[in-house]
Amino acid sequence: MSDGVNSPTWESDCGTVKLWLGDCLEVMQSWSDGVVDAVVTDPPYGTKKTKWDETVSEQSFAECFRICTDYALFFYSNTRLWHILGALKDIGADSWVMVWHKMNAMGCERRFCPVWVPIVCAYRGVPPFWGQDLVAVPLVPHTGIDHPTIKPLRVTEWLVNRAGQSIADPFMGSGTTGVAAVRLGRSFWGVEIDPGYFEIAKRRIQDELAKVDFLEPQRVKDRQAALFSDED
């Protein structure tokens, strides 16, 4: 993968993880077409604490689709699902929707966090995840990570495990996609605009890199086997 115009803010010693602190549109626009195999990301969608608007989001969807060769996966909002599907249609992307089923969501979680979370897949050619319409994974709280919309690592691993060898997350947040990529032996590019979350993501990814012999084949095979066996 080529860095394009912008050099990463931080790069791992092994060269397989590169992180940018900055605006995702500006960074992605410096990357070549199809620079990664897949995008796995959780963009902000109309939350009050962001400056997110429809124009920016549609540009971001287009850039996410442009930079990947296979497909882009977006966690998204039930109430705004029409928006992302319309935006993807406008840029000529085929799309379909899987769901993450929060199997143990209850009480206030059921009221404020929908039990069914859409995962929108924009793809070219043959639909990926054929026959996989449901990601049934418990809602497991994270400890020690202050981020309002952090997704369980187990869900992200399930998605990354079906992707190619290079993954990008333009809305990196606290770095869960990066951690999953490292665990499964993928290379990873991440972008985050908030300096605080960028440092959290970098620390988590550094910690994960320190735990593993990166890209060691048997470790990757064992992890992949465990993920597939959980689906039976």
Foldseek 3Di string as FASTA:
>chain_A
DDQFPDAAPDADPVRLEGEHAAQLLVRLVRAAFQQFAEEEEEDDDPDPVDPDDLVVVLSVLLSRNRNHDFKYKYWDDPVCPVSVVVSLVVNPWDKDWAWEAQPPQDDVCVVPPPRTIIIMMTGPDDDPPVVHRYHYDHQDDDPPDDDDDDGDLLSLLLVVLRTDQEYEYADQFQASNLLSSQQQQHRYYYYHHDPVSSVNNVVSNVVSPVVDPHNPPVSNVVVSVVSVVVVD
